[in-house]
């Protein structure tokens, strides 16, 4: 058993302050900052490269001067566009990869997509192929049926665009109405 005076002596020993190597700390911080900057730069270059690869996609259409009366309107978020059936293959050309707020308007002529702060576009009724509920697009995953996905054709390429309404209960009505309009257009074109 150790004596109490010995423990008191050990506890009272002078300890030197820890030596701080500021040069090493600053070096590590600068190295970390450069690493983060490199990662962001590589991500940006990858985004630009993807846009270059998708450069064959034609310019997006603008809404016609007289689109007709609105059948449905929706406010919400635009989550991006992908190659149809490939929910992770984001299309970035012409700003289609930029997430934003959205105002959707469906008319007898087509779908008008107005995005504050991003490029607006218009999908004519003849280009619409399908509407469905899904859970994910372009890396964004929501609850089952939480995303309105509209499939459309542009420049010979099928695209899926994902929208989420501020009122998710609207999605079913959008799917039903869009698919009815698409089927009616297909039947009319087939009769020619």
N, C-alpha and C. Protein backbone atom coordinates (compact mmCIF):
# COMPACT_ATOMS: atom_id res chain seq x y z
N UNK A 1 0.84 -1.17 0.00
CA UNK A 1 0.00 0.00 0.00
C UNK A 1 0.89 1.23 0.00
N UNK A 2 0.53 2.18 -0.81
CA UNK A 2 1.33 3.40 -0.89
C UNK A 2 0.90 4.35 0.20
N UNK A 3 1.84 5.13 0.57
CA UNK A 3 1.53 6.08 1.64
C UNK A 3 0.85 7.30 1.06
N UNK A 4 0.05 7.91 1.89
CA UNK A 4 -0.71 9.09 1.50
C UNK A 4 0.20 10.27 1.16
N UNK A 5 1.28 10.51 1.90
CA UNK A 5 2.15 11.63 1.52
C UNK A 5 2.75 11.46 0.12
N UNK A 6 3.02 10.21 -0.28
CA UNK A 6 3.59 10.00 -1.61
C UNK A 6 2.59 10.39 -2.70
N UNK A 7 1.31 10.06 -2.53
CA UNK A 7 0.28 10.43 -3.50
C UNK A 7 0.12 11.94 -3.57
N UNK A 8 0.22 12.60 -2.44
CA UNK A 8 0.10 14.05 -2.43
C UNK A 8 1.26 14.66 -3.20
N UNK A 9 2.45 14.09 -3.04
CA UNK A 9 3.62 14.61 -3.73
C UNK A 9 3.46 14.44 -5.25
N UNK A 10 2.97 13.28 -5.68
CA UNK A 10 2.79 13.02 -7.12
C UNK A 10 1.76 13.97 -7.68
N UNK A 11 0.67 14.21 -6.97
CA UNK A 11 -0.39 15.09 -7.44
C UNK A 11 0.08 16.53 -7.51
N UNK A 12 1.00 16.91 -6.66
CA UNK A 12 1.45 18.29 -6.62
C UNK A 12 2.61 18.56 -7.56
N UNK A 13 3.09 17.52 -8.27
CA UNK A 13 4.22 17.72 -9.18
C UNK A 13 3.88 18.76 -10.23
N UNK A 14 4.85 19.49 -10.60
CA UNK A 14 4.67 20.49 -11.65
C UNK A 14 4.60 19.77 -13.00
N UNK A 15 3.63 20.16 -13.80
CA UNK A 15 3.51 19.61 -15.14
C UNK A 15 3.77 20.74 -16.11
N UNK A 16 4.48 20.44 -17.14
CA UNK A 16 4.72 21.49 -18.13
C UNK A 16 3.50 21.59 -19.05
N UNK A 17 3.27 22.77 -19.55
CA UNK A 17 2.16 22.98 -20.47
C UNK A 17 2.45 22.24 -21.77
N UNK A 18 1.37 21.78 -22.43
CA UNK A 18 1.55 21.09 -23.69
C UNK A 18 2.12 22.05 -24.71
N UNK A 19 3.03 21.55 -25.47
CA UNK A 19 3.66 22.37 -26.50
C UNK A 19 2.77 22.30 -27.74
N UNK A 20 2.37 23.45 -28.21
CA UNK A 20 1.53 23.51 -29.40
C UNK A 20 2.40 23.82 -30.60
N UNK A 21 2.32 22.94 -31.59
CA UNK A 21 3.08 23.13 -32.82
C UNK A 21 2.16 23.82 -33.82
N UNK A 22 2.19 25.15 -33.78
CA UNK A 22 1.28 25.93 -34.63
C UNK A 22 1.55 25.72 -36.11
N UNK A 23 2.76 25.55 -36.49
CA UNK A 23 3.08 25.34 -37.90
C UNK A 23 2.42 24.07 -38.43
N UNK A 24 2.45 23.01 -37.63
CA UNK A 24 1.83 21.76 -38.04
C UNK A 24 0.31 21.90 -38.13
N UNK A 25 -0.29 22.59 -37.16
CA UNK A 25 -1.75 22.79 -37.19
C UNK A 25 -2.17 23.60 -38.40
N UNK A 26 -1.47 24.70 -38.64
CA UNK A 26 -1.80 25.54 -39.79
C UNK A 26 -1.60 24.75 -41.08
N UNK A 27 -0.54 23.97 -41.14
CA UNK A 27 -0.29 23.14 -42.32
C UNK A 27 -1.42 22.16 -42.59
N UNK A 28 -1.91 21.50 -41.52
CA UNK A 28 -3.02 20.57 -41.67
C UNK A 28 -4.29 21.29 -42.12
N UNK A 29 -4.56 22.46 -41.55
CA UNK A 29 -5.76 23.21 -41.94
C UNK A 29 -5.69 23.66 -43.40
N UNK A 30 -4.53 24.15 -43.82
CA UNK A 30 -4.37 24.56 -45.22
C UNK A 30 -4.52 23.34 -46.13
N UNK A 31 -3.93 22.23 -45.75
CA UNK A 31 -4.06 21.00 -46.54
C UNK A 31 -5.50 20.55 -46.65
N UNK A 32 -6.24 20.61 -45.54
CA UNK A 32 -7.65 20.23 -45.55
C UNK A 32 -8.47 21.17 -46.43
N UNK A 33 -8.20 22.47 -46.33
CA UNK A 33 -8.92 23.45 -47.16
C UNK A 33 -8.64 23.21 -48.65
N UNK A 34 -7.39 22.91 -48.99
CA UNK A 34 -7.05 22.63 -50.39
C UNK A 34 -7.73 21.35 -50.87
N UNK A 35 -7.80 20.34 -50.01
CA UNK A 35 -8.47 19.09 -50.37
C UNK A 35 -9.96 19.33 -50.65
N UNK A 36 -10.63 20.08 -49.78
CA UNK A 36 -12.06 20.39 -49.97
C UNK A 36 -12.25 21.19 -51.25
N UNK A 37 -11.38 22.17 -51.50
CA UNK A 37 -11.46 22.97 -52.73
C UNK A 37 -11.28 22.08 -53.96
N UNK A 38 -10.36 21.14 -53.90
CA UNK A 38 -10.14 20.21 -55.01
C UNK A 38 -11.38 19.37 -55.28
N UNK A 39 -12.00 18.88 -54.22
CA UNK A 39 -13.21 18.06 -54.38
C UNK A 39 -14.32 18.87 -55.04
N UNK A 40 -14.55 20.10 -54.56
CA UNK A 40 -15.57 20.96 -55.17
C UNK A 40 -15.25 21.26 -56.63
N UNK A 41 -13.98 21.51 -56.93
CA UNK A 41 -13.60 21.80 -58.31
C UNK A 41 -13.85 20.58 -59.20
N UNK A 42 -13.52 19.39 -58.71
CA UNK A 42 -13.76 18.16 -59.48
C UNK A 42 -15.26 17.94 -59.72
N UNK A 43 -16.08 18.22 -58.70
CA UNK A 43 -17.53 18.08 -58.87
C UNK A 43 -18.04 19.06 -59.93
N UNK A 44 -17.55 20.28 -59.90
CA UNK A 44 -17.96 21.30 -60.87
C UNK A 44 -17.54 20.90 -62.28
N UNK A 45 -16.32 20.40 -62.43
CA UNK A 45 -15.85 19.95 -63.74
C UNK A 45 -16.66 18.76 -64.24
N UNK A 46 -17.04 17.86 -63.35
CA UNK A 46 -17.88 16.72 -63.73
C UNK A 46 -19.25 17.18 -64.23
N UNK A 47 -19.81 18.18 -63.56
CA UNK A 47 -21.11 18.74 -63.96
C UNK A 47 -20.99 19.36 -65.35
N UNK A 48 -19.91 20.13 -65.57
CA UNK A 48 -19.70 20.77 -66.87
C UNK A 48 -19.46 19.71 -67.96
N UNK A 49 -18.73 18.66 -67.64
CA UNK A 49 -18.47 17.61 -68.61
C UNK A 49 -19.76 16.89 -68.99
N UNK A 50 -20.61 16.64 -68.01
CA UNK A 50 -21.91 16.00 -68.29
C UNK A 50 -22.72 16.89 -69.23
N UNK A 51 -22.70 18.20 -69.00
CA UNK A 51 -23.40 19.13 -69.89
C UNK A 51 -22.84 19.10 -71.30
N UNK A 52 -21.53 18.96 -71.43
CA UNK A 52 -20.90 18.86 -72.75
C UNK A 52 -21.33 17.59 -73.46
N UNK A 53 -21.37 16.47 -72.73
CA UNK A 53 -21.79 15.20 -73.32
C UNK A 53 -23.25 15.26 -73.78
N UNK A 54 -24.07 16.06 -73.10
CA UNK A 54 -25.49 16.16 -73.44
C UNK A 54 -25.76 17.37 -74.34
N UNK A 55 -24.71 17.92 -74.93
CA UNK A 55 -24.84 19.11 -75.77
C UNK A 55 -25.67 18.90 -77.03
N UNK A 56 -25.91 17.63 -77.42
CA UNK A 56 -26.72 17.38 -78.61
C UNK A 56 -28.21 17.57 -78.35
N UNK A 57 -28.59 17.75 -77.11
CA UNK A 57 -30.00 17.98 -76.77
C UNK A 57 -30.39 19.38 -77.27
N UNK A 58 -31.46 19.49 -78.08
CA UNK A 58 -31.84 20.80 -78.61
C UNK A 58 -32.29 21.76 -77.51
N UNK A 59 -32.32 23.04 -77.87
CA UNK A 59 -32.81 24.06 -76.93
C UNK A 59 -34.23 23.72 -76.49
N UNK A 60 -34.55 24.07 -75.27
CA UNK A 60 -35.90 23.83 -74.75
C UNK A 60 -36.88 24.79 -75.39
N UNK A 61 -38.11 24.34 -75.54
CA UNK A 61 -39.14 25.18 -76.14
C UNK A 61 -39.67 26.19 -75.13
N UNK A 62 -40.08 27.33 -75.64
CA UNK A 62 -40.73 28.35 -74.82
C UNK A 62 -42.24 28.17 -74.96
N UNK A 63 -42.97 28.62 -73.97
CA UNK A 63 -44.44 28.50 -74.00
C UNK A 63 -44.99 29.35 -75.15
N UNK A 64 -46.04 28.85 -75.82
CA UNK A 64 -46.64 29.64 -76.89
C UNK A 64 -47.33 30.89 -76.33
N UNK A 65 -47.55 31.86 -77.21
CA UNK A 65 -48.20 33.10 -76.77
C UNK A 65 -49.61 32.84 -76.27
N UNK A 66 -50.33 31.92 -76.91
CA UNK A 66 -51.70 31.58 -76.52
C UNK A 66 -51.76 30.09 -76.16
N UNK A 67 -51.38 29.71 -74.95
CA UNK A 67 -51.36 28.29 -74.60
C UNK A 67 -52.75 27.70 -74.34
N UNK A 68 -53.75 28.55 -74.15
CA UNK A 68 -55.08 28.06 -73.84
C UNK A 68 -55.38 28.15 -72.36
N UNK A 69 -56.58 27.73 -72.02
CA UNK A 69 -57.02 27.79 -70.62
C UNK A 69 -56.33 26.70 -69.80
N UNK A 70 -56.04 27.03 -68.56
CA UNK A 70 -55.37 26.09 -67.66
C UNK A 70 -56.34 25.00 -67.21
N UNK A 71 -55.94 23.75 -67.38
CA UNK A 71 -56.73 22.63 -66.88
C UNK A 71 -56.34 22.31 -65.44
N UNK A 72 -55.04 22.38 -65.17
CA UNK A 72 -54.52 22.15 -63.81
C UNK A 72 -53.34 23.09 -63.58
N UNK A 73 -53.18 23.50 -62.33
CA UNK A 73 -52.00 24.28 -61.94
C UNK A 73 -51.44 23.67 -60.66
N UNK A 74 -50.15 23.85 -60.47
CA UNK A 74 -49.51 23.28 -59.28
C UNK A 74 -48.28 24.12 -58.93
N UNK A 75 -48.10 24.36 -57.64
CA UNK A 75 -46.89 24.99 -57.12
C UNK A 75 -46.12 23.94 -56.34
N UNK A 76 -44.82 23.97 -56.46
CA UNK A 76 -44.03 22.99 -55.73
C UNK A 76 -42.56 23.11 -56.04
N UNK A 77 -41.90 21.93 -56.16
CA UNK A 77 -40.46 21.89 -56.43
C UNK A 77 -40.20 21.04 -57.66
N UNK A 78 -39.24 21.50 -58.45
CA UNK A 78 -38.74 20.74 -59.59
C UNK A 78 -37.48 20.04 -59.10
N UNK A 79 -37.43 18.71 -59.22
CA UNK A 79 -36.29 17.95 -58.68
C UNK A 79 -35.29 17.52 -59.75
N UNK A 80 -35.56 17.84 -61.00
CA UNK A 80 -34.59 17.52 -62.04
C UNK A 80 -35.17 16.62 -63.10
N UNK A 81 -34.38 16.44 -64.16
CA UNK A 81 -34.75 15.56 -65.26
C UNK A 81 -33.65 14.53 -65.46
N UNK A 82 -34.08 13.34 -65.87
CA UNK A 82 -33.15 12.24 -66.11
C UNK A 82 -33.50 11.57 -67.43
N UNK A 83 -32.62 10.71 -67.90
CA UNK A 83 -32.96 9.86 -69.02
C UNK A 83 -34.08 8.94 -68.56
N UNK A 84 -35.11 8.78 -69.38
CA UNK A 84 -36.28 7.98 -68.98
C UNK A 84 -35.87 6.58 -68.54
N UNK A 85 -36.36 6.18 -67.39
CA UNK A 85 -36.07 4.87 -66.84
C UNK A 85 -34.75 4.77 -66.09
N UNK A 86 -33.92 5.80 -66.15
CA UNK A 86 -32.62 5.81 -65.47
C UNK A 86 -32.64 6.91 -64.42
N UNK A 87 -33.15 6.64 -63.26
CA UNK A 87 -33.44 7.69 -62.28
C UNK A 87 -32.19 8.38 -61.72
N UNK A 88 -31.00 7.86 -62.00
CA UNK A 88 -29.78 8.52 -61.53
C UNK A 88 -29.00 9.21 -62.65
N UNK A 89 -29.43 9.06 -63.90
CA UNK A 89 -28.73 9.66 -65.04
C UNK A 89 -29.28 11.06 -65.29
N UNK A 90 -28.83 12.00 -64.48
CA UNK A 90 -29.34 13.38 -64.53
C UNK A 90 -28.99 14.07 -65.84
N UNK A 91 -29.95 14.79 -66.39
CA UNK A 91 -29.73 15.63 -67.57
C UNK A 91 -29.42 17.03 -67.06
N UNK A 92 -28.24 17.55 -67.40
CA UNK A 92 -27.86 18.89 -66.92
C UNK A 92 -27.88 19.93 -68.03
N UNK A 93 -27.97 19.49 -69.29
CA UNK A 93 -27.97 20.44 -70.42
C UNK A 93 -29.16 21.39 -70.32
N UNK A 94 -28.94 22.63 -70.68
CA UNK A 94 -29.97 23.68 -70.72
C UNK A 94 -30.63 23.92 -69.36
N UNK A 95 -29.94 23.62 -68.29
CA UNK A 95 -30.46 23.90 -66.96
C UNK A 95 -31.45 22.88 -66.43
N UNK A 96 -31.63 21.76 -67.12
CA UNK A 96 -32.60 20.75 -66.66
C UNK A 96 -32.16 20.05 -65.38
N UNK A 97 -30.90 20.16 -65.01
CA UNK A 97 -30.42 19.51 -63.80
C UNK A 97 -30.53 20.35 -62.55
N UNK A 98 -30.96 21.60 -62.70
CA UNK A 98 -31.01 22.53 -61.57
C UNK A 98 -32.33 22.39 -60.82
N UNK A 99 -32.24 22.06 -59.54
CA UNK A 99 -33.45 21.99 -58.71
C UNK A 99 -33.93 23.40 -58.41
N UNK A 100 -35.25 23.55 -58.33
CA UNK A 100 -35.80 24.89 -58.10
C UNK A 100 -37.27 24.80 -57.71
N UNK A 101 -37.81 25.94 -57.34
CA UNK A 101 -39.26 26.06 -57.17
C UNK A 101 -39.87 25.95 -58.56
N UNK A 102 -41.15 25.61 -58.63
CA UNK A 102 -41.79 25.47 -59.94
C UNK A 102 -43.26 25.83 -59.87
N UNK A 103 -43.74 26.38 -60.96
CA UNK A 103 -45.17 26.61 -61.19
C UNK A 103 -45.53 25.84 -62.45
N UNK A 104 -46.32 24.77 -62.30
CA UNK A 104 -46.73 23.97 -63.45
C UNK A 104 -48.12 24.39 -63.89
N UNK A 105 -48.32 24.48 -65.19
CA UNK A 105 -49.64 24.76 -65.75
C UNK A 105 -49.87 23.79 -66.89
N UNK A 106 -50.95 23.02 -66.80
CA UNK A 106 -51.32 22.08 -67.84
C UNK A 106 -52.47 22.68 -68.64
N UNK A 107 -52.27 22.79 -69.94
CA UNK A 107 -53.31 23.29 -70.85
C UNK A 107 -53.55 22.23 -71.91
N UNK A 108 -54.52 22.48 -72.78
CA UNK A 108 -54.79 21.54 -73.88
C UNK A 108 -53.62 21.48 -74.86
N UNK A 109 -52.76 22.49 -74.83
CA UNK A 109 -51.61 22.53 -75.75
C UNK A 109 -50.38 21.85 -75.18
N UNK A 110 -50.27 21.73 -73.85
CA UNK A 110 -49.10 21.10 -73.26
C UNK A 110 -48.86 21.51 -71.83
N UNK A 111 -47.64 21.29 -71.37
CA UNK A 111 -47.24 21.52 -69.98
C UNK A 111 -46.24 22.67 -69.93
N UNK A 112 -46.60 23.73 -69.21
CA UNK A 112 -45.73 24.90 -69.06
C UNK A 112 -45.04 24.80 -67.70
N UNK A 113 -43.71 24.81 -67.72
CA UNK A 113 -42.90 24.67 -66.50
C UNK A 113 -42.18 26.00 -66.28
N UNK A 114 -42.63 26.75 -65.27
CA UNK A 114 -42.04 28.05 -64.95
C UNK A 114 -41.23 27.89 -63.68
N UNK A 115 -39.91 28.18 -63.78
CA UNK A 115 -38.99 27.99 -62.65
C UNK A 115 -38.30 29.31 -62.33
N UNK A 116 -38.69 29.96 -61.25
CA UNK A 116 -38.00 31.20 -60.87
C UNK A 116 -36.53 30.92 -60.57
N UNK A 117 -35.65 31.69 -61.18
CA UNK A 117 -34.22 31.52 -60.94
C UNK A 117 -33.58 30.45 -61.80
N UNK A 118 -34.35 29.80 -62.66
CA UNK A 118 -33.81 28.77 -63.56
C UNK A 118 -34.55 28.88 -64.89
N UNK A 119 -34.07 28.14 -65.88
CA UNK A 119 -34.65 28.22 -67.22
C UNK A 119 -36.04 27.58 -67.26
N UNK A 120 -37.02 28.34 -67.76
CA UNK A 120 -38.37 27.82 -67.95
C UNK A 120 -38.37 26.95 -69.21
N UNK A 121 -39.33 26.03 -69.30
CA UNK A 121 -39.47 25.26 -70.53
C UNK A 121 -40.92 24.84 -70.71
N UNK A 122 -41.20 24.40 -71.91
CA UNK A 122 -42.56 24.03 -72.30
C UNK A 122 -42.51 22.67 -72.98
N UNK A 123 -43.46 21.80 -72.62
CA UNK A 123 -43.55 20.48 -73.24
C UNK A 123 -44.88 20.42 -73.99
N UNK A 124 -44.85 20.38 -75.33
CA UNK A 124 -46.10 20.28 -76.08
C UNK A 124 -46.80 18.96 -75.78
N UNK A 125 -48.10 18.94 -75.93
CA UNK A 125 -48.89 17.75 -75.63
C UNK A 125 -48.41 16.55 -76.45
N UNK A 126 -48.01 16.80 -77.70
CA UNK A 126 -47.55 15.70 -78.57
C UNK A 126 -46.27 15.05 -78.04
N UNK A 127 -45.49 15.77 -77.24
CA UNK A 127 -44.23 15.23 -76.72
C UNK A 127 -44.42 14.48 -75.41
N UNK A 128 -45.54 14.66 -74.74
CA UNK A 128 -45.80 13.97 -73.47
C UNK A 128 -46.03 12.49 -73.73
N UNK A 129 -45.45 11.63 -72.91
CA UNK A 129 -45.58 10.19 -73.09
C UNK A 129 -46.28 9.49 -71.93
N UNK A 130 -46.05 9.96 -70.70
CA UNK A 130 -46.61 9.25 -69.55
C UNK A 130 -46.48 10.12 -68.31
N UNK A 131 -47.37 9.88 -67.36
CA UNK A 131 -47.24 10.49 -66.03
C UNK A 131 -47.44 9.38 -65.01
N UNK A 132 -46.65 9.43 -63.95
CA UNK A 132 -46.76 8.40 -62.92
C UNK A 132 -46.28 8.96 -61.59
N UNK A 133 -46.59 8.23 -60.53
CA UNK A 133 -46.06 8.56 -59.21
C UNK A 133 -44.84 7.68 -58.96
N UNK A 134 -43.82 8.25 -58.38
CA UNK A 134 -42.60 7.50 -58.12
C UNK A 134 -42.01 7.98 -56.81
N UNK A 135 -40.90 7.37 -56.40
CA UNK A 135 -40.30 7.78 -55.13
C UNK A 135 -38.95 8.45 -55.27
N UNK A 136 -38.37 8.45 -56.48
CA UNK A 136 -37.06 9.07 -56.61
C UNK A 136 -36.72 9.48 -58.02
N UNK A 137 -35.87 10.51 -58.10
CA UNK A 137 -35.34 10.97 -59.38
C UNK A 137 -34.08 11.78 -59.11
N UNK A 138 -33.08 11.58 -59.94
CA UNK A 138 -31.84 12.37 -59.90
C UNK A 138 -31.24 12.46 -58.50
N UNK A 139 -31.21 11.32 -57.81
CA UNK A 139 -30.60 11.29 -56.49
C UNK A 139 -31.49 11.77 -55.36
N UNK A 140 -32.69 12.21 -55.64
CA UNK A 140 -33.62 12.69 -54.61
C UNK A 140 -34.64 11.58 -54.37
N UNK A 141 -34.70 11.07 -53.15
CA UNK A 141 -35.61 9.99 -52.82
C UNK A 141 -36.62 10.50 -51.80
N UNK A 142 -37.89 10.25 -52.09
CA UNK A 142 -38.99 10.66 -51.22
C UNK A 142 -39.78 9.42 -50.84
N UNK A 143 -40.90 9.62 -50.16
CA UNK A 143 -41.75 8.50 -49.81
C UNK A 143 -42.38 7.94 -51.08
N UNK A 144 -42.84 6.70 -51.02
CA UNK A 144 -43.47 6.06 -52.17
C UNK A 144 -44.62 6.91 -52.68
N UNK A 145 -44.61 7.23 -53.96
CA UNK A 145 -45.66 8.04 -54.57
C UNK A 145 -45.55 9.52 -54.25
N UNK A 146 -44.44 9.96 -53.69
CA UNK A 146 -44.29 11.36 -53.30
C UNK A 146 -43.79 12.27 -54.40
N UNK A 147 -43.62 11.72 -55.60
CA UNK A 147 -43.04 12.49 -56.70
C UNK A 147 -43.87 12.27 -57.96
N UNK A 148 -44.25 13.36 -58.61
CA UNK A 148 -44.93 13.30 -59.90
C UNK A 148 -43.85 13.26 -60.97
N UNK A 149 -43.79 12.18 -61.73
CA UNK A 149 -42.79 12.03 -62.79
C UNK A 149 -43.50 12.07 -64.14
N UNK A 150 -43.08 13.00 -64.97
CA UNK A 150 -43.65 13.16 -66.31
C UNK A 150 -42.60 12.74 -67.32
N UNK A 151 -42.95 11.78 -68.17
CA UNK A 151 -42.06 11.33 -69.23
C UNK A 151 -42.43 12.07 -70.51
N UNK A 152 -41.40 12.62 -71.17
CA UNK A 152 -41.64 13.38 -72.40
C UNK A 152 -40.48 13.20 -73.34
N UNK A 153 -40.70 13.51 -74.61
CA UNK A 153 -39.67 13.35 -75.62
C UNK A 153 -39.16 14.70 -76.07
N UNK A 154 -37.83 14.81 -76.15
CA UNK A 154 -37.22 16.05 -76.62
C UNK A 154 -35.96 15.71 -77.40
N UNK A 155 -35.94 16.11 -78.66
CA UNK A 155 -34.77 15.84 -79.50
C UNK A 155 -34.52 14.36 -79.71
N UNK A 156 -35.58 13.56 -79.80
CA UNK A 156 -35.43 12.13 -80.01
C UNK A 156 -35.02 11.36 -78.77
N UNK A 157 -35.00 12.00 -77.63
CA UNK A 157 -34.60 11.37 -76.37
C UNK A 157 -35.76 11.43 -75.39
N UNK A 158 -36.04 10.31 -74.72
CA UNK A 158 -37.09 10.29 -73.70
C UNK A 158 -36.50 10.77 -72.37
N UNK A 159 -37.20 11.69 -71.73
CA UNK A 159 -36.75 12.27 -70.47
C UNK A 159 -37.83 12.08 -69.41
N UNK A 160 -37.40 11.91 -68.17
CA UNK A 160 -38.29 11.93 -67.01
C UNK A 160 -38.01 13.20 -66.23
N UNK A 161 -39.05 13.96 -65.91
CA UNK A 161 -38.89 15.15 -65.07
C UNK A 161 -39.70 14.94 -63.80
N UNK A 162 -39.10 15.24 -62.65
CA UNK A 162 -39.74 15.01 -61.36
C UNK A 162 -40.20 16.30 -60.70
N UNK A 163 -41.44 16.28 -60.22
CA UNK A 163 -42.04 17.43 -59.56
C UNK A 163 -42.66 16.97 -58.25
N UNK A 164 -42.62 17.82 -57.25
CA UNK A 164 -43.31 17.55 -55.98
C UNK A 164 -44.14 18.76 -55.64
N UNK A 165 -45.44 18.53 -55.52
CA UNK A 165 -46.36 19.61 -55.22
C UNK A 165 -46.26 20.01 -53.75
N UNK A 166 -46.60 21.26 -53.47
CA UNK A 166 -46.69 21.69 -52.08
C UNK A 166 -47.83 20.95 -51.38
N UNK A 167 -48.80 20.49 -52.16
CA UNK A 167 -49.92 19.69 -51.66
C UNK A 167 -49.88 18.35 -52.39
N UNK A 168 -49.26 17.36 -51.79
CA UNK A 168 -49.01 16.07 -52.45
C UNK A 168 -50.29 15.36 -52.88
N UNK A 169 -51.42 15.71 -52.30
CA UNK A 169 -52.69 15.09 -52.68
C UNK A 169 -53.06 15.41 -54.13
N UNK A 170 -52.47 16.45 -54.70
CA UNK A 170 -52.74 16.84 -56.09
C UNK A 170 -52.12 15.87 -57.10
N UNK A 171 -51.14 15.11 -56.70
CA UNK A 171 -50.40 14.27 -57.63
C UNK A 171 -51.30 13.29 -58.39
N UNK A 172 -52.23 12.64 -57.69
CA UNK A 172 -53.10 11.65 -58.35
C UNK A 172 -53.93 12.29 -59.45
N UNK A 173 -54.46 13.47 -59.21
CA UNK A 173 -55.26 14.16 -60.22
C UNK A 173 -54.40 14.51 -61.44
N UNK A 174 -53.15 14.92 -61.19
CA UNK A 174 -52.25 15.24 -62.29
C UNK A 174 -51.95 14.00 -63.13
N UNK A 175 -51.68 12.88 -62.48
CA UNK A 175 -51.39 11.63 -63.20
C UNK A 175 -52.59 11.23 -64.05
N UNK A 176 -53.77 11.25 -63.45
CA UNK A 176 -54.98 10.85 -64.16
C UNK A 176 -55.23 11.76 -65.38
N UNK A 177 -55.20 13.07 -65.16
CA UNK A 177 -55.48 14.02 -66.24
C UNK A 177 -54.43 13.95 -67.34
N UNK A 178 -53.17 13.93 -66.98
CA UNK A 178 -52.10 13.85 -67.99
C UNK A 178 -52.22 12.57 -68.83
N UNK A 179 -52.43 11.44 -68.18
CA UNK A 179 -52.53 10.18 -68.93
C UNK A 179 -53.76 10.15 -69.82
N UNK A 180 -54.88 10.74 -69.38
CA UNK A 180 -56.07 10.83 -70.25
C UNK A 180 -55.76 11.68 -71.48
N UNK A 181 -55.10 12.81 -71.28
CA UNK A 181 -54.76 13.68 -72.41
C UNK A 181 -53.78 13.00 -73.36
N UNK A 182 -52.81 12.28 -72.82
CA UNK A 182 -51.81 11.59 -73.64
C UNK A 182 -52.48 10.48 -74.45
N UNK A 183 -53.35 9.71 -73.81
CA UNK A 183 -54.04 8.62 -74.50
C UNK A 183 -54.95 9.16 -75.59
N UNK A 184 -55.63 10.27 -75.34
CA UNK A 184 -56.51 10.88 -76.33
C UNK A 184 -55.68 11.34 -77.53
N UNK A 185 -54.52 11.92 -77.29
CA UNK A 185 -53.65 12.37 -78.37
C UNK A 185 -53.14 11.18 -79.17
N UNK A 186 -52.77 10.09 -78.50
CA UNK A 186 -52.27 8.90 -79.18
C UNK A 186 -53.35 8.30 -80.06
N UNK A 187 -54.59 8.24 -79.56
CA UNK A 187 -55.70 7.69 -80.35
C UNK A 187 -55.96 8.56 -81.57
N UNK A 188 -55.89 9.88 -81.40
CA UNK A 188 -56.13 10.80 -82.52
C UNK A 188 -55.05 10.65 -83.58
N UNK A 189 -53.79 10.54 -83.15
CA UNK A 189 -52.68 10.38 -84.10
C UNK A 189 -52.77 9.04 -84.81
N UNK A 190 -53.22 8.00 -84.10
CA UNK A 190 -53.34 6.67 -84.70
C UNK A 190 -54.46 6.59 -85.73
N UNK A 191 -55.46 7.45 -85.62
CA UNK A 191 -56.59 7.44 -86.55
C UNK A 191 -56.23 8.09 -87.88
N UNK A 192 -55.13 8.83 -87.94
CA UNK A 192 -54.76 9.54 -89.18
C UNK A 192 -54.25 8.61 -90.23
